[in-house]
C-alpha atoms as a PDB file:
ATOM      1  CA  MET A   1     -19.056  -6.843 -38.040  1.00  0.00           C
ATOM      2  CA  CYS A   2     -21.331  -4.784 -35.837  1.00  0.00           C
ATOM      3  CA  LEU A   3     -21.589  -1.078 -36.712  1.00  0.00           C
ATOM      4  CA  ASN A   4     -21.185  -0.002 -33.091  1.00  0.00           C
ATOM      5  CA  LYS A   5     -17.818  -0.133 -31.371  1.00  0.00           C
ATOM      6  CA  ASN A   6     -18.617  -2.641 -28.672  1.00  0.00           C
ATOM      7  CA  ILE A   7     -15.227  -3.847 -27.372  1.00  0.00           C
ATOM      8  CA  ILE A   8     -13.343  -2.303 -24.430  1.00  0.00           C
ATOM      9  CA  VAL A   9      -9.692  -3.330 -24.083  1.00  0.00           C
ATOM     10  CA  ILE A  10      -8.130  -3.044 -20.624  1.00  0.00           C
ATOM     11  CA  VAL A  11      -4.367  -3.457 -20.233  1.00  0.00           C
ATOM     12  CA  ASN A  12      -3.347  -4.861 -16.826  1.00  0.00           C
ATOM     13  CA  ALA A  13      -6.721  -4.591 -15.096  1.00  0.00           C
ATOM     14  CA  TYR A  14      -5.274  -4.710 -11.591  1.00  0.00           C
ATOM     15  CA  SER A  15      -6.062  -2.977  -8.298  1.00  0.00           C
ATOM     16  CA  THR A  16      -9.028  -0.581  -8.710  1.00  0.00           C
ATOM     17  CA  SER A  17      -9.348  -1.278 -12.435  1.00  0.00           C
ATOM     18  CA  ARG A  18     -10.406  -4.864 -11.696  1.00  0.00           C
ATOM     19  CA  LEU A  19     -13.857  -3.293 -11.291  1.00  0.00           C
ATOM     20  CA  MET A  20     -13.853  -1.701 -14.760  1.00  0.00           C
ATOM     21  CA  PRO A  21     -15.459  -4.607 -16.659  1.00  0.00           C
ATOM     22  CA  TYR A  22     -18.583  -4.536 -14.486  1.00  0.00           C
ATOM     23  CA  HIS A  23     -19.386  -0.974 -15.610  1.00  0.00           C
ATOM     24  CA  PHE A  24     -19.001  -1.788 -19.276  1.00  0.00           C
ATOM     25  CA  ILE A  25     -20.662  -5.218 -19.254  1.00  0.00           C
ATOM     26  CA  ALA A  26     -23.697  -3.770 -17.464  1.00  0.00           C
ATOM     27  CA  ASN A  27     -24.093  -1.374 -20.378  1.00  0.00           C
ATOM     28  CA  GLY A  28     -23.835  -3.957 -23.127  1.00  0.00           C
ATOM     29  CA  TYR A  29     -20.127  -3.853 -23.936  1.00  0.00           C
ATOM     30  CA  GLN A  30     -17.669  -6.740 -24.041  1.00  0.00           C
ATOM     31  CA  CYS A  31     -14.186  -6.519 -22.570  1.00  0.00           C
ATOM     32  CA  ILE A  32     -10.810  -7.933 -23.596  1.00  0.00           C
ATOM     33  CA  HIS A  33      -7.943  -8.091 -21.115  1.00  0.00           C
ATOM     34  CA  VAL A  34      -4.300  -7.694 -22.142  1.00  0.00           C
ATOM     35  CA  SER A  35      -1.721  -8.688 -19.540  1.00  0.00           C
ATOM     36  CA  THR A  36       1.922  -7.706 -19.898  1.00  0.00           C
ATOM     37  CA  PRO A  37       4.921  -9.645 -18.564  1.00  0.00           C
ATOM     38  CA  LEU A  38       5.463  -8.790 -14.901  1.00  0.00           C
ATOM     39  CA  ASP A  39       7.639 -10.342 -12.214  1.00  0.00           C
ATOM     40  CA  VAL A  40       6.204  -8.457  -9.281  1.00  0.00           C
ATOM     41  CA  ALA A  41       7.119  -8.336  -5.627  1.00  0.00           C
ATOM     42  CA  PRO A  42       5.208 -10.925  -3.535  1.00  0.00           C
ATOM     43  CA  VAL A  43       3.247  -8.181  -1.759  1.00  0.00           C
ATOM     44  CA  MET A  44       1.759  -7.129  -5.124  1.00  0.00           C
ATOM     45  CA  LYS A  45       0.605 -10.550  -6.328  1.00  0.00           C
ATOM     46  CA  LYS A  46      -2.827 -10.423  -4.690  1.00  0.00           C
ATOM     47  CA  TYR A  47      -3.633  -7.310  -6.743  1.00  0.00           C
ATOM     48  CA  LEU A  48      -2.901  -9.057 -10.048  1.00  0.00           C
ATOM     49  CA  GLU A  49      -5.792 -11.500 -10.012  1.00  0.00           C
ATOM     50  CA  VAL A  50      -8.059 -11.233 -13.065  1.00  0.00           C
ATOM     51  CA  GLU A  51     -11.531 -12.797 -13.260  1.00  0.00           C
ATOM     52  CA  ASP A  52     -11.339 -14.449 -16.680  1.00  0.00           C
ATOM     53  CA  SER A  53     -15.093 -14.974 -16.916  1.00  0.00           C
ATOM     54  CA  LEU A  54     -15.579 -11.219 -17.296  1.00  0.00           C
ATOM     55  CA  TYR A  55     -13.559 -11.084 -20.501  1.00  0.00           C
ATOM     56  CA  LEU A  56     -14.164 -12.169 -24.060  1.00  0.00           C
ATOM     57  CA  GLU A  57     -10.429 -12.907 -24.190  1.00  0.00           C
ATOM     58  CA  ASN A  58      -7.430 -12.661 -21.890  1.00  0.00           C
ATOM     59  CA  ILE A  59      -4.436 -11.976 -24.136  1.00  0.00           C
ATOM     60  CA  VAL A  60      -1.074 -12.624 -22.505  1.00  0.00           C
ATOM     61  CA  MET A  61       1.516 -10.446 -24.207  1.00  0.00           C
ATOM     62  CA  LYS A  62       4.951 -11.990 -24.642  1.00  0.00           C
ATOM     63  CA  GLU A  63       8.200 -10.070 -24.278  1.00  0.00           C
ATOM     64  CA  ASP A  64       8.433  -7.622 -27.215  1.00  0.00           C
ATOM     65  CA  GLY A  65       5.133  -9.050 -28.452  1.00  0.00           C
ATOM     66  CA  ILE A  66       3.137  -5.844 -28.716  1.00  0.00           C
ATOM     67  CA  GLU A  67       2.902  -6.024 -32.523  1.00  0.00           C
ATOM     68  CA  GLU A  68       1.199  -9.429 -32.264  1.00  0.00           C
ATOM     69  CA  VAL A  69      -1.307  -8.004 -29.778  1.00  0.00           C
ATOM     70  CA  ILE A  70      -2.086  -5.054 -32.056  1.00  0.00           C
ATOM     71  CA  LYS A  71      -2.558  -7.361 -35.047  1.00  0.00           C
ATOM     72  CA  HIS A  72      -4.867  -9.610 -33.020  1.00  0.00           C
ATOM     73  CA  LEU A  73      -6.989  -6.710 -31.761  1.00  0.00           C
ATOM     74  CA  LYS A  74      -7.451  -5.345 -35.284  1.00  0.00           C
ATOM     75  CA  LYS A  75     -10.134  -7.979 -35.919  1.00  0.00           C
ATOM     76  CA  TYR A  76     -12.401  -6.372 -33.292  1.00  0.00           C
ATOM     77  CA  ASN A  77     -14.461  -3.183 -33.392  1.00  0.00           C
ATOM     78  CA  ILE A  78     -12.806  -1.437 -30.463  1.00  0.00           C
ATOM     79  CA  LYS A  79     -14.303   1.500 -28.592  1.00  0.00           C
ATOM     80  CA  ALA A  80     -11.525   2.163 -26.069  1.00  0.00           C
ATOM     81  CA  ILE A  81      -8.091   0.934 -24.988  1.00  0.00           C
ATOM     82  CA  LEU A  82      -7.523   1.682 -21.311  1.00  0.00           C
ATOM     83  CA  PRO A  83      -4.557   1.465 -18.935  1.00  0.00           C
ATOM     84  CA  GLY A  84      -5.490  -0.528 -15.865  1.00  0.00           C
ATOM     85  CA  ALA A  85      -2.357   0.200 -13.827  1.00  0.00           C
ATOM     86  CA  GLU A  86       0.800   2.298 -13.714  1.00  0.00           C
ATOM     87  CA  SER A  87       2.654  -0.566 -15.395  1.00  0.00           C
ATOM     88  CA  SER A  88       0.478  -0.328 -18.507  1.00  0.00           C
ATOM     89  CA  VAL A  89       0.347   3.448 -19.139  1.00  0.00           C
ATOM     90  CA  MET A  90       2.935   3.441 -21.915  1.00  0.00           C
ATOM     91  CA  ILE A  91       1.819   0.131 -23.444  1.00  0.00           C
ATOM     92  CA  ALA A  92      -1.834   1.231 -23.556  1.00  0.00           C
ATOM     93  CA  ASP A  93      -0.719   4.490 -25.207  1.00  0.00           C
ATOM     94  CA  GLN A  94       1.216   2.545 -27.815  1.00  0.00           C
ATOM     95  CA  ILE A  95      -1.592   0.108 -28.608  1.00  0.00           C
ATOM     96  CA  ALA A  96      -4.177   2.905 -28.754  1.00  0.00           C
ATOM     97  CA  SER A  97      -2.070   4.832 -31.277  1.00  0.00           C
ATOM     98  CA  TYR A  98      -3.033   2.182 -33.875  1.00  0.00           C
ATOM     99  CA  PHE A  99      -6.803   2.575 -33.340  1.00  0.00           C
ATOM    100  CA  ASP A 100      -9.499   5.219 -33.747  1.00  0.00           C
ATOM    101  CA  VAL A 101     -10.205   5.559 -30.029  1.00  0.00           C
ATOM    102  CA  PRO A 102      -9.860   8.294 -27.368  1.00  0.00           C
ATOM    103  CA  LYS A 103      -6.150   8.388 -26.601  1.00  0.00           C
ATOM    104  CA  ASN A 104      -3.178  10.344 -25.315  1.00  0.00           C
ATOM    105  CA  ASN A 105      -0.302  11.326 -27.581  1.00  0.00           C
ATOM    106  CA  PHE A 106       2.012   8.321 -27.808  1.00  0.00           C
ATOM    107  CA  HIS A 107       4.948  10.576 -28.772  1.00  0.00           C
ATOM    108  CA  THR A 108       4.842  12.123 -25.280  1.00  0.00           C
ATOM    109  CA  THR A 109       4.043   8.930 -23.381  1.00  0.00           C
ATOM    110  CA  LEU A 110       7.330   8.967 -21.434  1.00  0.00           C
ATOM    111  CA  VAL A 111       6.429  12.171 -19.563  1.00  0.00           C
ATOM    112  CA  ARG A 112       3.346  10.435 -18.175  1.00  0.00           C
ATOM    113  CA  ARG A 113       5.376   7.559 -16.732  1.00  0.00           C
ATOM    114  CA  HIS A 114       8.985   8.616 -16.040  1.00  0.00           C
ATOM    115  CA  LYS A 115       9.290  10.569 -12.788  1.00  0.00           C
ATOM    116  CA  PHE A 116      12.162  12.750 -14.054  1.00  0.00           C
ATOM    117  CA  TYR A 117      10.826  13.704 -17.483  1.00  0.00           C
ATOM    118  CA  MET A 118       7.439  14.357 -15.899  1.00  0.00           C
ATOM    119  CA  ILE A 119       8.864  17.268 -13.910  1.00  0.00           C
ATOM    120  CA  GLU A 120      11.021  18.430 -16.833  1.00  0.00           C
ATOM    121  CA  GLN A 121       7.826  18.788 -18.860  1.00  0.00           C
ATOM    122  CA  LEU A 122       6.630  21.503 -16.454  1.00  0.00           C
ATOM    123  CA  LYS A 123       9.437  23.859 -17.420  1.00  0.00           C
ATOM    124  CA  ASP A 124       7.311  25.135 -20.291  1.00  0.00           C
ATOM    125  CA  MET A 125       4.490  25.952 -17.874  1.00  0.00           C
ATOM    126  CA  VAL A 126       4.082  29.154 -15.906  1.00  0.00           C
ATOM    127  CA  CYS A 127       4.568  27.398 -12.585  1.00  0.00           C
ATOM    128  CA  LYS A 128       7.247  26.275 -10.192  1.00  0.00           C
ATOM    129  CA  PHE A 129       9.041  22.968 -10.436  1.00  0.00           C
ATOM    130  CA  ASN A 130      11.483  21.195  -8.152  1.00  0.00           C
ATOM    131  CA  LYS A 131      15.134  21.005  -9.111  1.00  0.00           C
ATOM    132  CA  GLN A 132      16.237  17.509  -9.982  1.00  0.00           C
ATOM    133  CA  TYR A 133      18.908  15.222 -11.336  1.00  0.00           C
ATOM    134  CA  LEU A 134      18.763  11.837 -13.085  1.00  0.00           C
ATOM    135  CA  ALA A 135      21.456   9.631 -11.570  1.00  0.00           C
ATOM    136  CA  THR A 136      23.005   6.541 -13.123  1.00  0.00           C
ATOM    137  CA  ASN A 137      26.029   6.501 -10.796  1.00  0.00           C
ATOM    138  CA  LEU A 138      26.781   7.634  -7.264  1.00  0.00           C
ATOM    139  CA  GLU A 139      29.678   9.918  -8.214  1.00  0.00           C
ATOM    140  CA  GLY A 140      27.538  12.108 -10.438  1.00  0.00           C
ATOM    141  CA  LEU A 141      24.773  12.225  -7.839  1.00  0.00           C
ATOM    142  CA  LEU A 142      27.118  13.376  -5.061  1.00  0.00           C
ATOM    143  CA  ALA A 143      28.704  16.000  -7.318  1.00  0.00           C
ATOM    144  CA  TRP A 144      25.256  17.414  -8.112  1.00  0.00           C
ATOM    145  CA  TYR A 145      24.161  17.310  -4.468  1.00  0.00           C
ATOM    146  CA  ASN A 146      27.297  19.067  -3.207  1.00  0.00           C
ATOM    147  CA  ALA A 147      26.719  21.879  -5.707  1.00  0.00           C
ATOM    148  CA  GLN A 148      23.236  22.529  -4.271  1.00  0.00           C
ATOM    149  CA  GLU A 149      22.065  24.109  -1.029  1.00  0.00           C
ATOM    150  CA  PHE A 150      19.236  21.726  -0.200  1.00  0.00           C
ATOM    151  CA  LYS A 151      18.659  20.568   3.355  1.00  0.00           C
ATOM    152  CA  LYS A 152      16.939  17.405   2.142  1.00  0.00           C
ATOM    153  CA  ILE A 153      16.522  15.548  -1.133  1.00  0.00           C
ATOM    154  CA  VAL A 154      14.280  12.740  -2.377  1.00  0.00           C
ATOM    155  CA  LEU A 155      15.545   9.594  -4.104  1.00  0.00           C
ATOM    156  CA  LYS A 156      13.142   7.326  -5.993  1.00  0.00           C
ATOM    157  CA  PRO A 157      13.037   4.877  -8.917  1.00  0.00           C
ATOM    158  CA  ALA A 158      12.240   6.420 -12.286  1.00  0.00           C
ATOM    159  CA  LEU A 159       9.567   3.922 -13.308  1.00  0.00           C
ATOM    160  CA  SER A 160       7.967   2.527 -10.182  1.00  0.00           C
ATOM    161  CA  THR A 161       4.762   3.480  -8.400  1.00  0.00           C
ATOM    162  CA  GLY A 162       3.447   4.606  -5.032  1.00  0.00           C
ATOM    163  CA  SER A 163       6.012   4.920  -2.247  1.00  0.00           C
ATOM    164  CA  ASP A 164       8.178   2.058  -3.549  1.00  0.00           C
ATOM    165  CA  ASN A 165      11.762   2.807  -2.466  1.00  0.00           C
ATOM    166  CA  VAL A 166      11.174   6.530  -1.934  1.00  0.00           C
ATOM    167  CA  TYR A 167      13.885   7.850   0.403  1.00  0.00           C
ATOM    168  CA  ILE A 168      14.186  11.235   2.096  1.00  0.00           C
ATOM    169  CA  CYS A 169      17.888  12.016   2.668  1.00  0.00           C
ATOM    170  CA  ALA A 170      19.592  14.816   4.560  1.00  0.00           C
ATOM    171  CA  THR A 171      23.213  13.629   4.708  1.00  0.00           C
ATOM    172  CA  GLN A 172      25.766  12.305   2.244  1.00  0.00           C
ATOM    173  CA  SER A 173      25.842   8.939   4.005  1.00  0.00           C
ATOM    174  CA  THR A 174      22.033   8.471   3.760  1.00  0.00           C
ATOM    175  CA  ILE A 175      22.182   9.529   0.101  1.00  0.00           C
ATOM    176  CA  CYS A 176      24.742   6.804  -0.575  1.00  0.00           C
ATOM    177  CA  GLU A 177      22.632   4.286   1.321  1.00  0.00           C
ATOM    178  CA  GLY A 178      19.433   5.243  -0.526  1.00  0.00           C
ATOM    179  CA  PHE A 179      21.074   5.187  -3.961  1.00  0.00           C
ATOM    180  CA  ASN A 180      22.625   1.771  -3.331  1.00  0.00           C
ATOM    181  CA  LYS A 181      19.246   0.358  -2.246  1.00  0.00           C
ATOM    182  CA  ILE A 182      17.473   1.628  -5.361  1.00  0.00           C
ATOM    183  CA  PHE A 183      20.035   1.340  -8.159  1.00  0.00           C
ATOM    184  CA  GLN A 184      20.060  -2.058  -9.917  1.00  0.00           C
ATOM    185  CA  SER A 185      17.369  -3.386  -7.570  1.00  0.00           C
ATOM    186  CA  ALA A 186      13.949  -4.525  -8.819  1.00  0.00           C
ATOM    187  CA  ASN A 187      10.947  -2.240  -8.496  1.00  0.00           C
ATOM    188  CA  VAL A 188       7.507  -3.577  -7.507  1.00  0.00           C
ATOM    189  CA  TYR A 189       6.838  -4.567 -11.134  1.00  0.00           C
ATOM    190  CA  GLY A 190      10.006  -6.649 -11.328  1.00  0.00           C
ATOM    191  CA  PHE A 191      11.942  -4.278 -13.594  1.00  0.00           C
ATOM    192  CA  THR A 192      15.532  -3.322 -12.761  1.00  0.00           C
ATOM    193  CA  ASN A 193      16.069   0.279 -11.625  1.00  0.00           C
ATOM    194  CA  THR A 194      18.753   1.577 -13.989  1.00  0.00           C
ATOM    195  CA  GLU A 195      18.075   5.227 -13.090  1.00  0.00           C
ATOM    196  CA  VAL A 196      17.460   7.052  -9.826  1.00  0.00           C
ATOM    197  CA  VAL A 197      15.478  10.278  -9.785  1.00  0.00           C
ATOM    198  CA  VAL A 198      16.949  12.819  -7.359  1.00  0.00           C
ATOM    199  CA  GLN A 199      14.858  15.863  -6.421  1.00  0.00           C
ATOM    200  CA  GLU A 200      14.931  18.665  -3.916  1.00  0.00           C
ATOM    201  CA  PHE A 201      12.597  17.866  -1.040  1.00  0.00           C
ATOM    202  CA  ILE A 202       9.431  19.964  -1.193  1.00  0.00           C
ATOM    203  CA  ASP A 203       7.919  20.506   2.215  1.00  0.00           C
ATOM    204  CA  GLY A 204       4.364  21.712   2.750  1.00  0.00           C
ATOM    205  CA  THR A 205       0.779  20.505   2.633  1.00  0.00           C
ATOM    206  CA  GLU A 206       0.247  17.383   0.551  1.00  0.00           C
ATOM    207  CA  TYR A 207      -2.739  17.129  -1.800  1.00  0.00           C
ATOM    208  CA  VAL A 208      -3.897  14.229  -3.933  1.00  0.00           C
ATOM    209  CA  VAL A 209      -6.202  15.166  -6.806  1.00  0.00           C
ATOM    210  CA  ASN A 210      -8.009  12.493  -8.831  1.00  0.00           C
ATOM    211  CA  SER A 211      -9.464  13.395 -12.201  1.00  0.00           C
ATOM    212  CA  VAL A 212     -10.922  12.112 -15.457  1.00  0.00           C
ATOM    213  CA  SER A 213     -10.352  13.758 -18.841  1.00  0.00           C
ATOM    214  CA  ARG A 214     -12.015  13.464 -22.229  1.00  0.00           C
ATOM    215  CA  GLU A 215     -10.773  15.418 -25.267  1.00  0.00           C
ATOM    216  CA  GLY A 216      -8.867  17.784 -22.992  1.00  0.00           C
ATOM    217  CA  ASN A 217     -11.842  18.491 -20.720  1.00  0.00           C
ATOM    218  CA  HIS A 218     -10.799  17.754 -17.137  1.00  0.00           C
ATOM    219  CA  PHE A 219     -13.203  16.860 -14.329  1.00  0.00           C
ATOM    220  CA  ILE A 220     -11.871  16.705 -10.769  1.00  0.00           C
ATOM    221  CA  THR A 221     -13.532  13.665  -9.221  1.00  0.00           C
ATOM    222  CA  ASP A 222     -12.147  13.917  -5.683  1.00  0.00           C
ATOM    223  CA  CYS A 223      -9.408  15.682  -3.736  1.00  0.00           C
ATOM    224  CA  TRP A 224      -7.549  14.739  -0.562  1.00  0.00           C
ATOM    225  CA  GLN A 225      -5.258  16.365   1.965  1.00  0.00           C
ATOM    226  CA  GLY A 226      -2.640  13.798   2.894  1.00  0.00           C
ATOM    227  CA  ASN A 227      -0.733  13.059   6.058  1.00  0.00           C
ATOM    228  CA  VAL A 228       2.602  11.277   5.753  1.00  0.00           C
ATOM    229  CA  THR A 229       5.449  10.269   8.042  1.00  0.00           C
ATOM    230  CA  TYR A 230       9.103   9.518   7.420  1.00  0.00           C
ATOM    231  CA  ASN A 231      10.240   6.254   8.940  1.00  0.00           C
ATOM    232  CA  GLY A 232      13.998   5.819   8.790  1.00  0.00           C
ATOM    233  CA  GLY A 233      14.113   7.948   5.648  1.00  0.00           C
ATOM    234  CA  LEU A 234      11.315   5.987   3.957  1.00  0.00           C
ATOM    235  CA  LEU A 235       8.119   7.816   3.018  1.00  0.00           C
ATOM    236  CA  GLU A 236       4.952   6.257   4.459  1.00  0.00           C
ATOM    237  CA  ASP A 237       1.341   7.329   3.885  1.00  0.00           C
ATOM    238  CA  ASP A 238      -0.772   7.454   7.047  1.00  0.00           C
ATOM    239  CA  TYR A 239      -4.183   8.811   6.140  1.00  0.00           C
ATOM    240  CA  ALA A 240      -5.912  11.381   3.950  1.00  0.00           C
ATOM    241  CA  ASP A 241      -8.959  13.626   4.435  1.00  0.00           C
ATOM    242  CA  LYS A 242     -11.263  14.316   1.496  1.00  0.00           C
ATOM    243  CA  ILE A 243     -11.566  18.074   1.002  1.00  0.00           C
ATOM    244  CA  ASN A 244     -13.327  20.570  -1.193  1.00  0.00           C
ATOM    245  CA  PRO A 245     -10.431  21.791  -3.394  1.00  0.00           C
ATOM    246  CA  SER A 246      -9.704  25.477  -3.841  1.00  0.00           C
ATOM    247  CA  GLU A 247      -9.987  27.062  -7.273  1.00  0.00           C
ATOM    248  CA  GLU A 248      -6.225  27.585  -7.202  1.00  0.00           C
ATOM    249  CA  LEU A 249      -5.587  23.874  -6.637  1.00  0.00           C
ATOM    250  CA  ILE A 250      -8.010  22.896  -9.396  1.00  0.00           C
ATOM    251  CA  CYS A 251      -6.437  25.394 -11.794  1.00  0.00           C
ATOM    252  CA  TYR A 252      -2.919  24.153 -11.040  1.00  0.00           C
ATOM    253  CA  THR A 253      -3.941  20.501 -11.453  1.00  0.00           C
ATOM    254  CA  LYS A 254      -5.499  21.208 -14.839  1.00  0.00           C
ATOM    255  CA  LYS A 255      -2.310  22.993 -15.948  1.00  0.00           C
ATOM    256  CA  VAL A 256      -0.338  19.895 -14.987  1.00  0.00           C
ATOM    257  CA  LEU A 257      -2.742  17.624 -16.899  1.00  0.00           C
ATOM    258  CA  ASP A 258      -2.397  19.858 -19.952  1.00  0.00           C
ATOM    259  CA  ALA A 259       1.399  19.926 -19.697  1.00  0.00           C
ATOM    260  CA  LEU A 260       1.581  16.131 -19.453  1.00  0.00           C
ATOM    261  CA  GLU A 261      -0.930  15.843 -22.334  1.00  0.00           C
ATOM    262  CA  ILE A 262      -3.373  13.780 -20.314  1.00  0.00           C
ATOM    263  CA  THR A 263      -6.229  14.595 -22.671  1.00  0.00           C
ATOM    264  CA  ASN A 264      -8.139  11.336 -22.197  1.00  0.00           C
ATOM    265  CA  GLY A 265      -8.478   9.058 -19.198  1.00  0.00           C
ATOM    266  CA  PRO A 266      -7.957   9.162 -15.440  1.00  0.00           C
ATOM    267  CA  ALA A 267      -5.115  10.713 -13.476  1.00  0.00           C
ATOM    268  CA  HIS A 268      -3.874  10.504  -9.902  1.00  0.00           C
ATOM    269  CA  THR A 269      -1.890  13.682  -9.167  1.00  0.00           C
ATOM    270  CA  GLU A 270       0.165  14.400  -6.044  1.00  0.00           C
ATOM    271  CA  ILE A 271       0.916  18.047  -5.249  1.00  0.00           C
ATOM    272  CA  ARG A 272       2.628  19.974  -2.455  1.00  0.00           C
ATOM    273  CA  LEU A 273       1.813  23.542  -1.405  1.00  0.00           C
ATOM    274  CA  ASN A 274       4.124  25.767   0.624  1.00  0.00           C
ATOM    275  CA  GLU A 275       4.834  29.498   0.929  1.00  0.00           C
ATOM    276  CA  LYS A 276       6.405  29.485  -2.559  1.00  0.00           C
ATOM    277  CA  GLY A 277       3.374  27.962  -4.266  1.00  0.00           C
ATOM    278  CA  PHE A 278       2.272  24.642  -5.764  1.00  0.00           C
ATOM    279  CA  TYR A 279       4.732  21.923  -6.778  1.00  0.00           C
ATOM    280  CA  LEU A 280       4.015  18.725  -8.664  1.00  0.00           C
ATOM    281  CA  ILE A 281       5.348  15.606  -6.956  1.00  0.00           C
ATOM    282  CA  GLU A 282       4.104  13.214  -9.641  1.00  0.00           C
ATOM    283  CA  SER A 283       1.030  12.305 -11.674  1.00  0.00           C
ATOM    284  CA  GLY A 284      -0.057   8.831 -12.750  1.00  0.00           C
ATOM    285  CA  ALA A 285      -2.171   8.581 -15.906  1.00  0.00           C
ATOM    286  CA  ARG A 286      -4.372   5.866 -14.403  1.00  0.00           C
ATOM    287  CA  LEU A 287      -6.994   5.312 -11.713  1.00  0.00           C
ATOM    288  CA  SER A 288      -6.152   5.933  -8.098  1.00  0.00           C
ATOM    289  CA  GLY A 289      -5.044   2.722  -6.431  1.00  0.00           C
ATOM    290  CA  ALA A 290      -6.442   3.661  -3.012  1.00  0.00           C
ATOM    291  CA  ILE A 291     -10.093   4.003  -3.915  1.00  0.00           C
ATOM    292  CA  ASP A 292     -13.226   2.295  -2.659  1.00  0.00           C
ATOM    293  CA  PRO A 293     -15.805   3.294  -5.290  1.00  0.00           C
ATOM    294  CA  SER A 294     -18.794   2.446  -3.078  1.00  0.00           C
ATOM    295  CA  ALA A 295     -17.535   4.671  -0.255  1.00  0.00           C
ATOM    296  CA  MET A 296     -16.859   7.511  -2.688  1.00  0.00           C
ATOM    297  CA  SER A 297     -20.310   7.224  -4.261  1.00  0.00           C
ATOM    298  CA  GLU A 298     -21.909   7.380  -0.805  1.00  0.00           C
ATOM    299  CA  ALA A 299     -19.791  10.397   0.052  1.00  0.00           C
ATOM    300  CA  GLN A 300     -20.381  12.480  -3.076  1.00  0.00           C
ATOM    301  CA  GLY A 301     -22.602  10.675  -5.572  1.00  0.00           C
ATOM    302  CA  HIS A 302     -19.859   9.615  -7.977  1.00  0.00           C
ATOM    303  CA  ASN A 303     -16.345   8.190  -8.000  1.00  0.00           C
ATOM    304  CA  GLN A 304     -13.351   8.265 -10.318  1.00  0.00           C
ATOM    305  CA  LEU A 305     -14.095   4.843 -11.784  1.00  0.00           C
ATOM    306  CA  SER A 306     -17.741   5.627 -12.588  1.00  0.00           C
ATOM    307  CA  CYS A 307     -16.761   8.965 -14.157  1.00  0.00           C
ATOM    308  CA  PHE A 308     -14.060   7.249 -16.227  1.00  0.00           C
ATOM    309  CA  ALA A 309     -16.543   4.676 -17.537  1.00  0.00           C
ATOM    310  CA  GLU A 310     -19.028   7.459 -18.268  1.00  0.00           C
ATOM    311  CA  SER A 311     -16.413   9.403 -20.243  1.00  0.00           C
ATOM    312  CA  ILE A 312     -16.055   6.385 -22.529  1.00  0.00           C
ATOM    313  CA  MET A 313     -19.705   5.331 -22.830  1.00  0.00           C
ATOM    314  CA  ASP A 314     -21.506   8.691 -22.650  1.00  0.00           C
ATOM    315  CA  PRO A 315     -19.134  11.627 -23.283  1.00  0.00           C
ATOM    316  CA  LYS A 316     -22.000  14.148 -23.598  1.00  0.00           C
ATOM    317  CA  GLN A 317     -23.151  13.303 -20.081  1.00  0.00           C
ATOM    318  CA  PHE A 318     -19.551  13.477 -18.874  1.00  0.00           C
ATOM    319  CA  PHE A 319     -19.060  16.944 -20.424  1.00  0.00           C
ATOM    320  CA  ALA A 320     -22.224  18.107 -18.650  1.00  0.00           C
ATOM    321  CA  ARG A 321     -20.824  17.226 -15.221  1.00  0.00           C
ATOM    322  CA  LYS A 322     -20.454  20.097 -12.786  1.00  0.00           C
ATOM    323  CA  SER A 323     -18.321  20.295  -9.683  1.00  0.00           C
ATOM    324  CA  VAL A 324     -20.199  19.354  -6.534  1.00  0.00           C
ATOM    325  CA  SER A 325     -19.852  20.422  -2.925  1.00  0.00           C
ATOM    326  CA  PHE A 326     -18.329  17.636  -0.875  1.00  0.00           C
ATOM    327  CA  GLN A 327     -20.791  17.277   2.013  1.00  0.00           C
ATOM    328  CA  THR A 328     -19.730  14.019   3.661  1.00  0.00           C
ATOM    329  CA  ARG A 329     -16.613  13.623   5.779  1.00  0.00           C
ATOM    330  CA  THR A 330     -14.444  10.878   4.276  1.00  0.00           C
ATOM    331  CA  LEU A 331     -11.186   9.552   5.669  1.00  0.00           C
ATOM    332  CA  CYS A 332      -8.837   7.182   3.853  1.00  0.00           C
ATOM    333  CA  VAL A 333      -6.592   5.251   6.234  1.00  0.00           C
ATOM    334  CA  PHE A 334      -3.527   3.452   4.900  1.00  0.00           C
ATOM    335  CA  TYR A 335      -2.728   0.321   6.898  1.00  0.00           C
ATOM    336  CA  SER A 336       0.479  -0.328   4.931  1.00  0.00           C
ATOM    337  CA  ALA A 337       2.101   0.575   1.627  1.00  0.00           C
ATOM    338  CA  THR A 338      -0.256  -1.728  -0.244  1.00  0.00           C
ATOM    339  CA  THR A 339      -3.484  -1.878   1.786  1.00  0.00           C
ATOM    340  CA  TRP A 340      -6.054   0.744   2.684  1.00  0.00           C
ATOM    341  CA  ASN A 341      -9.488   1.328   4.161  1.00  0.00           C
ATOM    342  CA  PHE A 342     -12.137   4.027   3.930  1.00  0.00           C
ATOM    343  CA  ALA A 343     -14.154   5.404   6.816  1.00  0.00           C
ATOM    344  CA  VAL A 344     -17.200   7.497   5.918  1.00  0.00           C
ATOM    345  CA  SER A 345     -19.255   9.540   8.339  1.00  0.00           C
ATOM    346  CA  ALA A 346     -21.883  12.234   7.889  1.00  0.00           C
END
């Protein structure tokens, strides 16, 4: 066996993470892909293609077959085990817990994936958090709602991603309609929604902050001010402007990363700011899905993917990174819930 750890394992290398192997292979590493059982919505299928020739192996995990995957991987000298998508955050955490690799605490993995427990985790922080309720039936949801004084609330699946079935509701009838559409339906990964997260609606300016962490050191790779619309109660992303984040926004984001114990790896964090302060909407412990690395590198000299690869291959260089001034105007335009485009201008 080689003395150097030369194997990178990527779990569900979909969307942006399909580009991960190129970074590692170019630097002399080999990659293994682990795919988990998914029965995704048709609109997602084009993002699930994996180029087998890039991988030493493509391991297809069976239902409840994670122990077999761990046993199989034990024969390799593994340097890192990485989540490639929202669907693999918890599984990558679990597999990594059996290896001497950079990792996040598997005992707190649920707070990095479940939209309700994620916000609950903030209650130990010195910051604001939105009031919420975890609904498994309509009666309990309506009782909670009627006891509040919110003008609007948000309903969303507990374990989905993006804007999948996110409803903004202002009346009891729309709440009933939104709950019935989400509960017991399939999310974009094909899993049944057995819980509905219900939260007070937080109005204000929307920010998206992408980051990479190594051993608890957080580097903000890029930050965006978002623009969204509400179409028939459904949340839709329109476009986002890349901005130079304020120190307050950076500080708040790092507090969130610490609270969620994202000590290693990328994160995609959505935040709202209003007159009361910053509020976390959610944070995904994975790469941003709406990222064109080439456009980002042209705009600022680095991107989240390149920084993530660097944090694995050359942590000393990653620790030496300093924040940069964002000189180039960059606009991210969302054509639909699952497609995007970047426009870059000087």
